[in-house]
Amino acid sequence: MRHAYRIRSPQLTKTALAACLVCSVALAGCASEGTDISPETLTTEKPDPNDNVSQAAYWAAAYEKDPNNRVAAVNYTRALRQIGSIDKALTIATQASNRFPSDPALLAEFGKVLSLRNRYEESANVLSKARVLAPNDWSILSAQGVVAAQLERFDDATKAFETALRLSPNNVSVLNNYALSEALRGKLERAESLLRKAASQSDADTQVRQNLGLIVGLQGKFSEAERIALGDLPPDVAKNNVAYLKEVLTQPARWADLQSLDQEE
């Protein structure tokens, strides 16, 4: 995934952090972009819970067999989102939400997919409906926080994340999303604290650690950023990533070039 960085005085790049927030909507890091589920991949066998493509194929078959199967619609939309088939996910979510307008799980998936197409206001409205129906669902609150941060409604984002953490303490996904929201508003130390807490949990994944490395590096702590990156990346990749970050943080001309790139995207 290519990130363009934008300077904002001593703060960094809104685009890079916003991209991480978009990924975090999936609650499991970034998905591959645009994996297709063709007819020959459809299966009725029990899917591998750790294989998103297997999940998508299984639920595709169930949904094709019975489009009125609410569970299949929810899981198919989720699986498509997780493998990066966003347009297909949006199509299924739109169809299914017309059939089941009061299903909070489906509305939550619909809202998350809308956010991945940068339709944030629509996403916020759909997620609000989902929350009314399921006020104690931490994942809906976390998704609301992500969308609010993308809309730069940071106070709303904070409230959503804090409520989600009360419902699900030390939840890695919520902590990660909350941290990136704080970074977007320029609170890098607070973001670092939240990501360190997330990374210390037993179910923290590579994406959380790499986000921590990014936030640490953006504060100029390059040696530590490289050490964090080395935990998951090959040495040459980790070194190149940190060298690139250091370059754009220390060369104003480079920042100007990247800002122009950012505005073109």
C-alpha atoms as a PDB file:
ATOM      1  CA  MET A   1       0.000   0.000   0.000  1.00  0.00           C
ATOM      2  CA  ARG A   2       1.400   3.398  -0.983  1.00  0.00           C
ATOM      3  CA  HIS A   3       1.099   6.197   1.534  1.00  0.00           C
ATOM      4  CA  ALA A   4       1.724   9.855   0.699  1.00  0.00           C
ATOM      5  CA  TYR A   5       2.765  12.053   3.591  1.00  0.00           C
ATOM      6  CA  ARG A   6       1.696  15.607   4.191  1.00  0.00           C
ATOM      7  CA  ILE A   7       3.332  17.942   6.638  1.00  0.00           C
ATOM      8  CA  ARG A   8       1.239  19.964   9.005  1.00  0.00           C
ATOM      9  CA  SER A   9       3.792  22.061  10.923  1.00  0.00           C
ATOM     10  CA  PRO A  10       5.572  19.612  13.297  1.00  0.00           C
ATOM     11  CA  GLN A  11       2.708  17.213  12.797  1.00  0.00           C
ATOM     12  CA  LEU A  12       2.675  14.804  10.057  1.00  0.00           C
ATOM     13  CA  THR A  13       0.731  13.498   7.325  1.00  0.00           C
ATOM     14  CA  LYS A  14      -2.980  13.386   7.435  1.00  0.00           C
ATOM     15  CA  THR A  15      -3.181  11.070   4.452  1.00  0.00           C
ATOM     16  CA  ALA A  16      -0.964   8.314   5.846  1.00  0.00           C
ATOM     17  CA  LEU A  17      -2.846   8.215   9.136  1.00  0.00           C
ATOM     18  CA  ALA A  18      -6.216   8.433   7.410  1.00  0.00           C
ATOM     19  CA  ALA A  19      -5.199   5.482   5.240  1.00  0.00           C
ATOM     20  CA  CYS A  20      -4.342   3.497   8.365  1.00  0.00           C
ATOM     21  CA  LEU A  21      -7.722   4.393   9.819  1.00  0.00           C
ATOM     22  CA  VAL A  22      -9.438   3.146   6.679  1.00  0.00           C
ATOM     23  CA  CYS A  23      -7.588  -0.141   7.037  1.00  0.00           C
ATOM     24  CA  SER A  24      -8.547  -0.384  10.655  1.00  0.00           C
ATOM     25  CA  VAL A  25     -12.242  -0.412   9.796  1.00  0.00           C
ATOM     26  CA  ALA A  26     -11.659  -4.031   8.831  1.00  0.00           C
ATOM     27  CA  LEU A  27     -10.581  -4.651  12.431  1.00  0.00           C
ATOM     28  CA  ALA A  28      -7.742  -6.813  11.230  1.00  0.00           C
ATOM     29  CA  GLY A  29      -5.346  -4.608   9.338  1.00  0.00           C
ATOM     30  CA  CYS A  30      -5.340  -3.996   5.604  1.00  0.00           C
ATOM     31  CA  ALA A  31      -6.957  -6.465   3.276  1.00  0.00           C
ATOM     32  CA  SER A  32      -5.687  -7.361  -0.157  1.00  0.00           C
ATOM     33  CA  GLU A  33      -7.207  -5.182  -2.842  1.00  0.00           C
ATOM     34  CA  GLY A  34      -9.917  -6.559  -5.035  1.00  0.00           C
ATOM     35  CA  THR A  35      -9.820 -10.332  -4.616  1.00  0.00           C
ATOM     36  CA  ASP A  36     -12.553 -11.781  -6.802  1.00  0.00           C
ATOM     37  CA  ILE A  37     -14.919 -14.589  -5.859  1.00  0.00           C
ATOM     38  CA  SER A  38     -15.643 -16.354  -9.134  1.00  0.00           C
ATOM     39  CA  PRO A  39     -18.345 -19.047  -9.546  1.00  0.00           C
ATOM     40  CA  GLU A  40     -15.790 -21.849  -9.554  1.00  0.00           C
ATOM     41  CA  THR A  41     -14.556 -20.826  -6.106  1.00  0.00           C
ATOM     42  CA  LEU A  42     -17.980 -21.116  -4.492  1.00  0.00           C
ATOM     43  CA  THR A  43     -18.139 -23.850  -1.908  1.00  0.00           C
ATOM     44  CA  THR A  44     -20.449 -25.296   0.682  1.00  0.00           C
ATOM     45  CA  GLU A  45     -17.584 -26.764   2.698  1.00  0.00           C
ATOM     46  CA  LYS A  46     -16.926 -25.348   6.129  1.00  0.00           C
ATOM     47  CA  PRO A  47     -14.606 -22.357   5.658  1.00  0.00           C
ATOM     48  CA  ASP A  48     -11.232 -21.881   7.293  1.00  0.00           C
ATOM     49  CA  PRO A  49     -11.791 -19.220   9.984  1.00  0.00           C
ATOM     50  CA  ASN A  50      -8.296 -17.848   9.320  1.00  0.00           C
ATOM     51  CA  ASP A  51      -8.734 -17.628   5.546  1.00  0.00           C
ATOM     52  CA  ASN A  52     -10.778 -14.631   4.408  1.00  0.00           C
ATOM     53  CA  VAL A  53     -11.032 -15.890   0.833  1.00  0.00           C
ATOM     54  CA  SER A  54     -12.390 -19.222   2.092  1.00  0.00           C
ATOM     55  CA  GLN A  55     -14.901 -17.326   4.211  1.00  0.00           C
ATOM     56  CA  ALA A  56     -15.970 -15.199   1.260  1.00  0.00           C
ATOM     57  CA  ALA A  57     -16.425 -18.235  -0.983  1.00  0.00           C
ATOM     58  CA  TYR A  58     -18.481 -20.062   1.629  1.00  0.00           C
ATOM     59  CA  TRP A  59     -20.801 -17.143   2.326  1.00  0.00           C
ATOM     60  CA  ALA A  60     -21.055 -16.307  -1.371  1.00  0.00           C
ATOM     61  CA  ALA A  61     -22.490 -19.773  -1.964  1.00  0.00           C
ATOM     62  CA  ALA A  62     -24.911 -19.379   0.932  1.00  0.00           C
ATOM     63  CA  TYR A  63     -26.033 -15.954  -0.258  1.00  0.00           C
ATOM     64  CA  GLU A  64     -26.406 -17.050  -3.886  1.00  0.00           C
ATOM     65  CA  LYS A  65     -28.550 -19.946  -2.695  1.00  0.00           C
ATOM     66  CA  ASP A  66     -30.778 -17.721  -0.562  1.00  0.00           C
ATOM     67  CA  PRO A  67     -30.459 -13.901  -0.798  1.00  0.00           C
ATOM     68  CA  ASN A  68     -32.988 -13.660   2.033  1.00  0.00           C
ATOM     69  CA  ASN A  69     -30.581 -15.377   4.426  1.00  0.00           C
ATOM     70  CA  ARG A  70     -29.720 -12.519   6.780  1.00  0.00           C
ATOM     71  CA  VAL A  71     -26.737 -14.288   8.350  1.00  0.00           C
ATOM     72  CA  ALA A  72     -25.280 -15.060   4.941  1.00  0.00           C
ATOM     73  CA  ALA A  73     -25.727 -11.437   3.846  1.00  0.00           C
ATOM     74  CA  VAL A  74     -23.898 -10.105   6.900  1.00  0.00           C
ATOM     75  CA  ASN A  75     -21.037 -12.568   6.692  1.00  0.00           C
ATOM     76  CA  TYR A  76     -20.674 -12.287   2.927  1.00  0.00           C
ATOM     77  CA  THR A  77     -20.450  -8.499   3.162  1.00  0.00           C
ATOM     78  CA  ARG A  78     -17.897  -8.745   5.957  1.00  0.00           C
ATOM     79  CA  ALA A  79     -15.785 -11.300   4.104  1.00  0.00           C
ATOM     80  CA  LEU A  80     -15.816  -9.245   0.901  1.00  0.00           C
ATOM     81  CA  ARG A  81     -14.722  -6.193   2.863  1.00  0.00           C
ATOM     82  CA  GLN A  82     -11.893  -8.113   4.468  1.00  0.00           C
ATOM     83  CA  ILE A  83     -10.497  -9.330   1.144  1.00  0.00           C
ATOM     84  CA  GLY A  84     -10.748  -5.871  -0.401  1.00  0.00           C
ATOM     85  CA  SER A  85     -13.668  -6.494  -2.767  1.00  0.00           C
ATOM     86  CA  ILE A  86     -15.259  -3.240  -1.697  1.00  0.00           C
ATOM     87  CA  ASP A  87     -17.483  -2.598  -4.711  1.00  0.00           C
ATOM     88  CA  LYS A  88     -19.009  -6.065  -4.465  1.00  0.00           C
ATOM     89  CA  ALA A  89     -19.398  -5.657  -0.706  1.00  0.00           C
ATOM     90  CA  LEU A  90     -21.205  -2.380  -1.271  1.00  0.00           C
ATOM     91  CA  THR A  91     -23.554  -4.000  -3.765  1.00  0.00           C
ATOM     92  CA  ILE A  92     -24.430  -6.850  -1.400  1.00  0.00           C
ATOM     93  CA  ALA A  93     -24.797  -4.528   1.598  1.00  0.00           C
ATOM     94  CA  THR A  94     -27.090  -2.192  -0.344  1.00  0.00           C
ATOM     95  CA  GLN A  95     -29.296  -5.056  -1.501  1.00  0.00           C
ATOM     96  CA  ALA A  96     -29.405  -6.718   1.898  1.00  0.00           C
ATOM     97  CA  SER A  97     -30.087  -3.504   3.824  1.00  0.00           C
ATOM     98  CA  ASN A  98     -33.218  -3.023   1.741  1.00  0.00           C
ATOM     99  CA  ARG A  99     -34.368  -6.484   2.828  1.00  0.00           C
ATOM    100  CA  PHE A 100     -33.301  -6.118   6.458  1.00  0.00           C
ATOM    101  CA  PRO A 101     -33.420  -2.395   7.316  1.00  0.00           C
ATOM    102  CA  SER A 102     -33.447  -3.050  11.061  1.00  0.00           C
ATOM    103  CA  ASP A 103     -30.583  -5.508  11.374  1.00  0.00           C
ATOM    104  CA  PRO A 104     -27.765  -3.831  13.347  1.00  0.00           C
ATOM    105  CA  ALA A 105     -25.028  -6.230  12.215  1.00  0.00           C
ATOM    106  CA  LEU A 106     -25.882  -5.637   8.569  1.00  0.00           C
ATOM    107  CA  LEU A 107     -26.131  -1.886   9.040  1.00  0.00           C
ATOM    108  CA  ALA A 108     -22.748  -1.926  10.765  1.00  0.00           C
ATOM    109  CA  GLU A 109     -21.185  -3.709   7.794  1.00  0.00           C
ATOM    110  CA  PHE A 110     -22.934  -1.346   5.390  1.00  0.00           C
ATOM    111  CA  GLY A 111     -21.563   1.652   7.276  1.00  0.00           C
ATOM    112  CA  LYS A 112     -18.017   0.257   7.279  1.00  0.00           C
ATOM    113  CA  VAL A 113     -18.125  -0.422   3.551  1.00  0.00           C
ATOM    114  CA  LEU A 114     -19.427   3.082   2.845  1.00  0.00           C
ATOM    115  CA  SER A 115     -16.503   4.529   4.789  1.00  0.00           C
ATOM    116  CA  LEU A 116     -14.080   2.545   2.635  1.00  0.00           C
ATOM    117  CA  ARG A 117     -15.510   4.364  -0.365  1.00  0.00           C
ATOM    118  CA  ASN A 118     -14.980   7.702   1.405  1.00  0.00           C
ATOM    119  CA  ARG A 119     -18.723   8.201   1.753  1.00  0.00           C
ATOM    120  CA  TYR A 120     -18.283   9.317   5.333  1.00  0.00           C
ATOM    121  CA  GLU A 121     -21.489  11.271   5.899  1.00  0.00           C
ATOM    122  CA  GLU A 122     -23.566   8.366   4.604  1.00  0.00           C
ATOM    123  CA  SER A 123     -21.508   5.983   6.684  1.00  0.00           C
ATOM    124  CA  ALA A 124     -22.050   8.073   9.812  1.00  0.00           C
ATOM    125  CA  ASN A 125     -25.818   8.037   9.269  1.00  0.00           C
ATOM    126  CA  VAL A 126     -25.965   4.275   8.732  1.00  0.00           C
ATOM    127  CA  LEU A 127     -23.747   3.570  11.752  1.00  0.00           C
ATOM    128  CA  SER A 128     -25.938   5.827  13.903  1.00  0.00           C
ATOM    129  CA  LYS A 129     -28.946   3.688  12.983  1.00  0.00           C
ATOM    130  CA  ALA A 130     -26.984   0.558  13.812  1.00  0.00           C
ATOM    131  CA  ARG A 131     -25.989   1.936  17.203  1.00  0.00           C
ATOM    132  CA  VAL A 132     -29.587   2.762  18.114  1.00  0.00           C
ATOM    133  CA  LEU A 133     -30.429  -0.868  17.466  1.00  0.00           C
ATOM    134  CA  ALA A 134     -27.324  -2.239  19.241  1.00  0.00           C
ATOM    135  CA  PRO A 135     -26.119   0.399  21.725  1.00  0.00           C
ATOM    136  CA  ASN A 136     -23.670  -1.951  23.459  1.00  0.00           C
ATOM    137  CA  ASP A 137     -21.824  -3.183  20.371  1.00  0.00           C
ATOM    138  CA  TRP A 138     -18.231  -1.957  20.718  1.00  0.00           C
ATOM    139  CA  SER A 139     -17.439  -2.601  17.041  1.00  0.00           C
ATOM    140  CA  ILE A 140     -20.145  -0.195  15.911  1.00  0.00           C
ATOM    141  CA  LEU A 141     -18.833   2.452  18.280  1.00  0.00           C
ATOM    142  CA  SER A 142     -15.292   1.928  17.045  1.00  0.00           C
ATOM    143  CA  ALA A 143     -16.432   2.277  13.439  1.00  0.00           C
ATOM    144  CA  GLN A 144     -18.270   5.463  14.399  1.00  0.00           C
ATOM    145  CA  GLY A 145     -15.054   6.768  15.904  1.00  0.00           C
ATOM    146  CA  VAL A 146     -13.132   6.021  12.719  1.00  0.00           C
ATOM    147  CA  VAL A 147     -15.661   7.837  10.555  1.00  0.00           C
ATOM    148  CA  ALA A 148     -15.856  10.803  12.926  1.00  0.00           C
ATOM    149  CA  ALA A 149     -12.054  11.102  12.805  1.00  0.00           C
ATOM    150  CA  GLN A 150     -12.113  11.040   9.008  1.00  0.00           C
ATOM    151  CA  LEU A 151     -14.632  13.891   9.160  1.00  0.00           C
ATOM    152  CA  GLU A 152     -12.339  15.679  11.665  1.00  0.00           C
ATOM    153  CA  ARG A 153     -15.021  15.523  14.339  1.00  0.00           C
ATOM    154  CA  PHE A 154     -12.436  14.514  16.875  1.00  0.00           C
ATOM    155  CA  ASP A 155     -14.474  15.133  20.019  1.00  0.00           C
ATOM    156  CA  ASP A 156     -17.159  12.804  18.688  1.00  0.00           C
ATOM    157  CA  ALA A 157     -14.481  10.272  17.783  1.00  0.00           C
ATOM    158  CA  THR A 158     -13.019  10.368  21.281  1.00  0.00           C
ATOM    159  CA  LYS A 159     -16.427   9.834  22.884  1.00  0.00           C
ATOM    160  CA  ALA A 160     -17.098   6.862  20.621  1.00  0.00           C
ATOM    161  CA  PHE A 161     -13.741   5.210  21.345  1.00  0.00           C
ATOM    162  CA  GLU A 162     -13.946   5.815  25.082  1.00  0.00           C
ATOM    163  CA  THR A 163     -17.407   4.259  25.189  1.00  0.00           C
ATOM    164  CA  ALA A 164     -16.198   1.296  23.117  1.00  0.00           C
ATOM    165  CA  LEU A 165     -13.320   0.744  25.549  1.00  0.00           C
ATOM    166  CA  ARG A 166     -15.695   0.757  28.498  1.00  0.00           C
ATOM    167  CA  LEU A 167     -17.645  -1.996  26.770  1.00  0.00           C
ATOM    168  CA  SER A 168     -14.533  -3.888  25.666  1.00  0.00           C
ATOM    169  CA  PRO A 169     -11.513  -2.918  27.815  1.00  0.00           C
ATOM    170  CA  ASN A 170      -8.066  -3.216  26.223  1.00  0.00           C
ATOM    171  CA  ASN A 171      -9.584  -4.089  22.869  1.00  0.00           C
ATOM    172  CA  VAL A 172      -6.714  -3.972  20.381  1.00  0.00           C
ATOM    173  CA  SER A 173      -8.803  -2.764  17.459  1.00  0.00           C
ATOM    174  CA  VAL A 174     -10.395   0.070  19.441  1.00  0.00           C
ATOM    175  CA  LEU A 175      -7.047   1.149  20.919  1.00  0.00           C
ATOM    176  CA  ASN A 176      -5.489   1.140  17.447  1.00  0.00           C
ATOM    177  CA  ASN A 177      -8.303   3.183  15.915  1.00  0.00           C
ATOM    178  CA  TYR A 178      -8.336   5.588  18.860  1.00  0.00           C
ATOM    179  CA  ALA A 179      -4.571   6.102  18.566  1.00  0.00           C
ATOM    180  CA  LEU A 180      -4.753   6.934  14.875  1.00  0.00           C
ATOM    181  CA  SER A 181      -7.581   9.374  15.543  1.00  0.00           C
ATOM    182  CA  GLU A 182      -5.443  11.105  18.169  1.00  0.00           C
ATOM    183  CA  ALA A 183      -2.516  11.222  15.736  1.00  0.00           C
ATOM    184  CA  LEU A 184      -4.724  12.809  13.089  1.00  0.00           C
ATOM    185  CA  ARG A 185      -5.438  15.665  15.464  1.00  0.00           C
ATOM    186  CA  GLY A 186      -1.707  16.059  16.187  1.00  0.00           C
ATOM    187  CA  LYS A 187      -1.563  14.297  19.557  1.00  0.00           C
ATOM    188  CA  LEU A 188       1.324  11.989  18.738  1.00  0.00           C
ATOM    189  CA  GLU A 189       2.345  11.277  22.334  1.00  0.00           C
ATOM    190  CA  ARG A 190      -1.185  10.255  23.225  1.00  0.00           C
ATOM    191  CA  ALA A 191      -1.328   8.132  20.072  1.00  0.00           C
ATOM    192  CA  GLU A 192       1.928   6.443  21.010  1.00  0.00           C
ATOM    193  CA  SER A 193       0.642   5.649  24.501  1.00  0.00           C
ATOM    194  CA  LEU A 194      -2.520   4.057  23.122  1.00  0.00           C
ATOM    195  CA  LEU A 195      -0.611   2.034  20.533  1.00  0.00           C
ATOM    196  CA  ARG A 196       1.874   0.774  23.113  1.00  0.00           C
ATOM    197  CA  LYS A 197      -1.056  -0.445  25.153  1.00  0.00           C
ATOM    198  CA  ALA A 198      -2.550  -2.097  22.063  1.00  0.00           C
ATOM    199  CA  ALA A 199       0.776  -3.691  21.074  1.00  0.00           C
ATOM    200  CA  SER A 200       1.183  -5.160  24.560  1.00  0.00           C
ATOM    201  CA  GLN A 201      -1.993  -7.231  24.199  1.00  0.00           C
ATOM    202  CA  SER A 202      -1.601 -10.899  23.298  1.00  0.00           C
ATOM    203  CA  ASP A 203      -3.763 -10.562  20.174  1.00  0.00           C
ATOM    204  CA  ALA A 204      -1.966  -7.533  18.712  1.00  0.00           C
ATOM    205  CA  ASP A 205      -1.069  -8.027  15.056  1.00  0.00           C
ATOM    206  CA  THR A 206       1.576  -6.724  12.691  1.00  0.00           C
ATOM    207  CA  GLN A 207      -0.523  -3.737  11.627  1.00  0.00           C
ATOM    208  CA  VAL A 208      -0.720  -2.444  15.201  1.00  0.00           C
ATOM    209  CA  ARG A 209       3.051  -2.723  15.656  1.00  0.00           C
ATOM    210  CA  GLN A 210       3.758  -1.039  12.349  1.00  0.00           C
ATOM    211  CA  ASN A 211       1.378   1.787  13.262  1.00  0.00           C
ATOM    212  CA  LEU A 212       3.315   2.171  16.509  1.00  0.00           C
ATOM    213  CA  GLY A 213       6.558   2.332  14.553  1.00  0.00           C
ATOM    214  CA  LEU A 214       5.090   5.023  12.304  1.00  0.00           C
ATOM    215  CA  ILE A 215       3.968   7.173  15.229  1.00  0.00           C
ATOM    216  CA  VAL A 216       7.310   6.734  17.009  1.00  0.00           C
ATOM    217  CA  GLY A 217       9.173   7.659  13.834  1.00  0.00           C
ATOM    218  CA  LEU A 218       7.041  10.735  13.292  1.00  0.00           C
ATOM    219  CA  GLN A 219       8.353  12.013  16.612  1.00  0.00           C
ATOM    220  CA  GLY A 220      11.913  11.666  15.364  1.00  0.00           C
ATOM    221  CA  LYS A 221      12.732   8.513  17.338  1.00  0.00           C
ATOM    222  CA  PHE A 222      14.147   6.726  14.332  1.00  0.00           C
ATOM    223  CA  SER A 223      16.219   4.071  16.080  1.00  0.00           C
ATOM    224  CA  GLU A 224      13.232   2.884  18.050  1.00  0.00           C
ATOM    225  CA  ALA A 225      11.012   3.032  14.971  1.00  0.00           C
ATOM    226  CA  GLU A 226      13.462   0.777  13.150  1.00  0.00           C
ATOM    227  CA  ARG A 227      13.628  -1.632  16.072  1.00  0.00           C
ATOM    228  CA  ILE A 228       9.843  -1.929  16.082  1.00  0.00           C
ATOM    229  CA  ALA A 229       9.758  -2.435  12.315  1.00  0.00           C
ATOM    230  CA  LEU A 230      12.406  -5.150  12.513  1.00  0.00           C
ATOM    231  CA  GLY A 231      10.048  -7.227  14.624  1.00  0.00           C
ATOM    232  CA  ASP A 232       7.841  -7.911  11.594  1.00  0.00           C
ATOM    233  CA  LEU A 233       9.696  -6.832   8.461  1.00  0.00           C
ATOM    234  CA  PRO A 234      12.879  -7.970   6.720  1.00  0.00           C
ATOM    235  CA  PRO A 235      15.870  -5.848   7.810  1.00  0.00           C
ATOM    236  CA  ASP A 236      16.288  -4.128   4.435  1.00  0.00           C
ATOM    237  CA  VAL A 237      12.591  -3.202   4.269  1.00  0.00           C
ATOM    238  CA  ALA A 238      12.579  -1.890   7.850  1.00  0.00           C
ATOM    239  CA  LYS A 239      15.696   0.199   7.238  1.00  0.00           C
ATOM    240  CA  ASN A 240      14.352   1.592   3.961  1.00  0.00           C
ATOM    241  CA  ASN A 241      11.030   2.527   5.550  1.00  0.00           C
ATOM    242  CA  VAL A 242      12.707   4.403   8.389  1.00  0.00           C
ATOM    243  CA  ALA A 243      15.213   6.047   6.038  1.00  0.00           C
ATOM    244  CA  TYR A 244      12.348   7.282   3.872  1.00  0.00           C
ATOM    245  CA  LEU A 245      10.471   8.605   6.888  1.00  0.00           C
ATOM    246  CA  LYS A 246      13.594  10.363   8.141  1.00  0.00           C
ATOM    247  CA  GLU A 247      14.171  11.915   4.729  1.00  0.00           C
ATOM    248  CA  VAL A 248      10.717  13.415   4.431  1.00  0.00           C
ATOM    249  CA  LEU A 249      10.786  14.682   8.010  1.00  0.00           C
ATOM    250  CA  THR A 250      14.126  16.438   7.611  1.00  0.00           C
ATOM    251  CA  GLN A 251      13.960  17.836   4.063  1.00  0.00           C
ATOM    252  CA  PRO A 252      11.438  20.676   3.568  1.00  0.00           C
ATOM    253  CA  ALA A 253      11.695  20.405  -0.222  1.00  0.00           C
ATOM    254  CA  ARG A 254      10.767  16.731  -0.024  1.00  0.00           C
ATOM    255  CA  TRP A 255       7.747  17.625   2.110  1.00  0.00           C
ATOM    256  CA  ALA A 256       6.621  20.106  -0.556  1.00  0.00           C
ATOM    257  CA  ASP A 257       6.860  17.453  -3.268  1.00  0.00           C
ATOM    258  CA  LEU A 258       4.863  14.986  -1.200  1.00  0.00           C
ATOM    259  CA  GLN A 259       2.263  17.574  -0.353  1.00  0.00           C
ATOM    260  CA  SER A 260       1.677  18.130  -4.065  1.00  0.00           C
ATOM    261  CA  LEU A 261       1.416  14.381  -4.599  1.00  0.00           C
ATOM    262  CA  ASP A 262      -1.032  14.136  -1.714  1.00  0.00           C
ATOM    263  CA  GLN A 263      -3.285  16.811  -3.173  1.00  0.00           C
ATOM    264  CA  GLU A 264      -3.400  15.044  -6.527  1.00  0.00           C
ATOM    265  CA  GLU A 265      -4.676  11.742  -5.087  1.00  0.00           C
END
